[in-house]
Amino acid sequence: MKNLIVLIGLWSFLSFSLQAQESDKGFYLKIAYAGGMITHPGVSIGAGYSLSQWSKAKSNGLYVDQEIRLGLKLGTYFHKRMHTGVYLTPDIEWIRTGAKGFQFGLNFSAGYLKTFIPSTYSVNNEGIVQQKGSGTQHFVFMPGIRLGKDLSKKGTGNVEWFVNNQLMFQTPYFDKTNKYLLTELGINLKIK
């Protein structure tokens, strides 16, 4: 837990330091449906900023924009009759945006996952059964692929919609590492 706090603190310091140097890049806010294995409902919210942006001219005269973003995400999902998970992850993302706004990206997140297990009980010394909260703590790392559309390319506002599929590796999971598909479907609101 102490290492996670240090990691988040270092990430925040780096983020704000770089933002001060490149203040013209802009922030974004994110909200998404975050379904574990698609069908286990959840939500994620996040914020971040563009660390670096550049454009490249194609042979047909159109431009392709590329950018690297840093962010922080807080999310939760509900797996019926198993557990509820809450995670906090800093992330880094590379996004390529075509001239018409289509986006392709790769991302990586790593952070903390806390699970809460429902319907657990304990028996005290007098033989009385009591409901007890239970859960586990995990380190997670999540590589992912993102597809989306930047609507600002058509002049309809500073909004992007996206689908982000991440493979969540959760460790320790008993004596192994658990793999879990996390699908986000949401929007980014770009703030200049």
Protein backbone atom coordinates (compact mmCIF):
# COMPACT_ATOMS: atom_id res chain seq x y z
CA MET A 1 0.00 0.00 0.00
CA LYS A 2 2.86 2.37 0.84
CA ASN A 3 4.41 1.71 -2.59
CA LEU A 4 1.10 2.54 -4.28
CA ILE A 5 0.91 5.90 -2.48
CA VAL A 6 4.49 6.70 -3.53
CA LEU A 7 3.70 5.68 -7.14
CA ILE A 8 0.59 7.89 -7.28
CA GLY A 9 2.46 10.79 -5.66
CA LEU A 10 5.33 10.50 -8.14
CA TRP A 11 2.89 10.23 -11.05
CA SER A 12 1.00 13.35 -9.86
CA PHE A 13 4.20 15.35 -9.41
CA LEU A 14 5.40 14.40 -12.89
CA SER A 15 2.00 15.18 -14.39
CA PHE A 16 1.70 18.64 -12.85
CA SER A 17 5.35 19.51 -13.59
CA LEU A 18 4.98 18.64 -17.25
CA GLN A 19 1.63 20.43 -17.45
CA ALA A 20 3.24 23.62 -16.15
CA GLN A 21 5.82 23.41 -18.95
CA GLU A 22 3.30 22.66 -21.70
CA SER A 23 0.22 24.55 -20.58
CA ASP A 24 -1.23 24.83 -24.11
CA LYS A 25 -1.96 21.10 -24.38
CA GLY A 26 -5.30 20.95 -22.55
CA PHE A 27 -7.03 18.73 -20.01
CA TYR A 28 -9.73 16.13 -20.46
CA LEU A 29 -12.40 14.58 -18.23
CA LYS A 30 -13.65 11.07 -18.84
CA ILE A 31 -16.73 9.08 -17.86
CA ALA A 32 -17.45 5.56 -19.06
CA TYR A 33 -19.40 2.38 -18.56
CA ALA A 34 -16.71 -0.04 -17.38
CA GLY A 35 -18.03 -3.58 -17.65
CA GLY A 36 -15.93 -6.43 -16.37
CA MET A 37 -16.15 -9.26 -18.93
CA ILE A 38 -18.59 -6.84 -20.64
CA THR A 39 -21.62 -8.07 -18.63
CA HIS A 40 -20.52 -7.18 -15.09
CA PRO A 41 -21.63 -3.53 -14.83
CA GLY A 42 -19.44 -0.73 -13.60
CA VAL A 43 -18.37 2.85 -14.15
CA SER A 44 -15.09 4.70 -14.43
CA ILE A 45 -14.26 8.38 -14.18
CA GLY A 46 -10.98 10.00 -14.92
CA ALA A 47 -9.01 13.10 -15.70
CA GLY A 48 -5.77 13.80 -17.45
CA TYR A 49 -3.97 15.95 -19.94
CA SER A 50 -2.12 15.79 -23.19
CA LEU A 51 1.59 15.39 -22.55
CA SER A 52 2.68 15.73 -26.17
CA GLN A 53 1.00 16.33 -29.56
CA TRP A 54 2.29 16.28 -33.12
CA SER A 55 0.88 16.14 -36.65
CA LYS A 56 2.11 14.37 -39.74
CA ALA A 57 1.09 15.16 -43.33
CA LYS A 58 0.04 12.21 -45.47
CA SER A 59 0.70 11.98 -49.21
CA ASN A 60 -2.92 13.03 -49.95
CA GLY A 61 -2.43 16.33 -48.09
CA LEU A 62 -4.48 15.34 -45.03
CA TYR A 63 -3.01 15.44 -41.54
CA VAL A 64 -2.86 12.68 -38.95
CA ASP A 65 -2.60 13.85 -35.34
CA GLN A 66 -0.86 11.84 -32.65
CA GLU A 67 -0.76 12.47 -28.94
CA ILE A 68 0.44 11.03 -25.66
CA ARG A 69 -1.85 11.49 -22.65
CA LEU A 70 -1.32 10.96 -18.94
CA GLY A 71 -4.30 10.41 -16.68
CA LEU A 72 -5.73 9.03 -13.48
CA LYS A 73 -8.78 6.74 -13.41
CA LEU A 74 -11.12 5.64 -10.60
CA GLY A 75 -13.48 2.80 -11.42
CA THR A 76 -15.72 0.12 -10.02
CA TYR A 77 -17.47 -3.00 -11.30
CA PHE A 78 -19.98 -5.42 -9.78
CA HIS A 79 -19.63 -9.18 -10.29
CA LYS A 80 -22.89 -10.69 -9.01
CA ARG A 81 -22.50 -13.31 -6.25
CA MET A 82 -18.72 -12.95 -6.38
CA HIS A 83 -17.35 -9.51 -5.53
CA THR A 84 -17.38 -5.78 -6.15
CA GLY A 85 -14.11 -4.25 -7.31
CA VAL A 86 -12.88 -0.67 -6.90
CA TYR A 87 -9.66 0.35 -8.67
CA LEU A 88 -7.46 3.43 -8.91
CA THR A 89 -4.93 3.51 -11.75
CA PRO A 90 -2.69 6.11 -13.35
CA ASP A 91 -2.48 5.55 -17.10
CA ILE A 92 -0.56 6.52 -20.20
CA GLU A 93 -2.10 6.48 -23.66
CA TRP A 94 -0.94 6.96 -27.26
CA ILE A 95 -3.73 8.05 -29.63
CA ARG A 96 -3.65 8.46 -33.41
CA THR A 97 -6.47 10.61 -34.86
CA GLY A 98 -7.19 10.58 -38.59
CA ALA A 99 -8.32 13.58 -40.62
CA LYS A 100 -12.00 12.58 -40.25
CA GLY A 101 -11.70 12.01 -36.50
CA PHE A 102 -11.35 8.21 -36.30
CA GLN A 103 -9.03 7.25 -33.43
CA PHE A 104 -6.86 4.26 -32.68
CA GLY A 105 -4.88 4.05 -29.47
CA LEU A 106 -2.81 1.91 -27.17
CA ASN A 107 -2.80 2.39 -23.42
CA PHE A 108 -1.37 1.02 -20.21
CA SER A 109 -2.65 1.38 -16.64
CA ALA A 110 -1.22 0.05 -13.39
CA GLY A 111 -2.48 0.56 -9.87
CA TYR A 112 -4.56 -0.69 -6.96
CA LEU A 113 -7.68 -2.90 -6.84
CA LYS A 114 -9.73 -3.55 -3.71
CA THR A 115 -12.41 -6.25 -3.85
CA PHE A 116 -15.34 -6.54 -1.46
CA ILE A 117 -16.87 -10.00 -1.06
CA PRO A 118 -20.57 -10.11 -0.08
CA SER A 119 -22.31 -12.55 2.23
CA THR A 120 -19.38 -13.63 4.36
CA TYR A 121 -20.01 -14.73 7.92
CA SER A 122 -18.09 -15.57 11.07
CA VAL A 123 -19.00 -17.50 14.20
CA ASN A 124 -17.95 -15.99 17.52
CA ASN A 125 -16.96 -17.90 20.70
CA GLU A 126 -20.61 -18.15 21.81
CA GLY A 127 -21.63 -19.81 18.53
CA ILE A 128 -23.44 -16.75 17.17
CA VAL A 129 -23.20 -16.27 13.41
CA GLN A 130 -22.50 -12.68 12.35
CA GLN A 131 -22.21 -11.10 8.94
CA LYS A 132 -18.68 -9.92 8.29
CA GLY A 133 -17.16 -7.72 5.59
CA SER A 134 -14.43 -9.36 3.60
CA GLY A 135 -12.23 -8.50 0.67
CA THR A 136 -8.77 -8.57 -0.79
CA GLN A 137 -6.18 -6.09 -2.08
CA HIS A 138 -4.43 -6.48 -5.40
CA PHE A 139 -1.98 -4.83 -7.75
CA VAL A 140 -3.38 -4.56 -11.28
CA PHE A 141 -1.81 -3.78 -14.62
CA MET A 142 -3.93 -3.33 -17.73
CA PRO A 143 -2.69 -3.04 -21.32
CA GLY A 144 -5.42 -2.01 -23.73
CA ILE A 145 -6.55 -1.07 -27.24
CA ARG A 146 -8.79 1.95 -27.81
CA LEU A 147 -11.01 2.87 -30.76
CA GLY A 148 -12.93 6.12 -30.93
CA LYS A 149 -14.06 9.22 -32.75
CA ASP A 150 -13.00 12.83 -32.16
CA LEU A 151 -16.12 14.90 -32.88
CA SER A 152 -14.16 18.18 -32.77
CA LYS A 153 -12.79 17.30 -36.24
CA LYS A 154 -16.28 17.99 -37.60
CA GLY A 155 -16.74 21.10 -35.45
CA THR A 156 -19.39 19.55 -33.18
CA GLY A 157 -17.71 20.29 -29.84
CA ASN A 158 -14.69 19.14 -27.88
CA VAL A 159 -15.95 15.61 -27.29
CA GLU A 160 -14.58 12.17 -28.09
CA TRP A 161 -16.41 8.87 -27.74
CA PHE A 162 -14.39 5.72 -27.30
CA VAL A 163 -14.37 1.97 -26.69
CA ASN A 164 -11.39 0.80 -24.66
CA ASN A 165 -10.71 -2.91 -24.13
CA GLN A 166 -8.17 -3.64 -21.42
CA LEU A 167 -6.94 -6.97 -20.14
CA MET A 168 -6.74 -6.63 -16.34
CA PHE A 169 -4.02 -8.73 -14.73
CA GLN A 170 -4.78 -8.99 -11.02
CA THR A 171 -2.10 -10.19 -8.63
CA PRO A 172 -1.90 -11.87 -6.20
CA TYR A 173 -4.94 -14.00 -6.96
CA PHE A 174 -4.51 -16.96 -4.64
CA ASP A 175 -1.10 -18.15 -5.82
CA LYS A 176 -1.58 -17.00 -9.44
CA THR A 177 -2.40 -13.96 -11.58
CA ASN A 178 -6.02 -13.56 -12.66
CA LYS A 179 -6.92 -12.20 -16.11
CA TYR A 180 -10.11 -10.19 -16.55
CA LEU A 181 -11.43 -8.29 -19.61
CA LEU A 182 -12.49 -4.73 -18.75
CA THR A 183 -14.45 -2.90 -21.48
CA GLU A 184 -14.99 0.85 -21.23
CA LEU A 185 -17.54 2.65 -23.40
CA GLY A 186 -17.59 6.37 -22.77
CA ILE A 187 -16.76 9.96 -23.63
CA ASN A 188 -13.85 12.33 -23.12
CA LEU A 189 -14.64 16.01 -22.66
CA LYS A 190 -11.64 18.05 -23.81
CA ILE A 191 -11.02 21.24 -21.84
CA LYS A 192 -8.62 23.79 -23.29
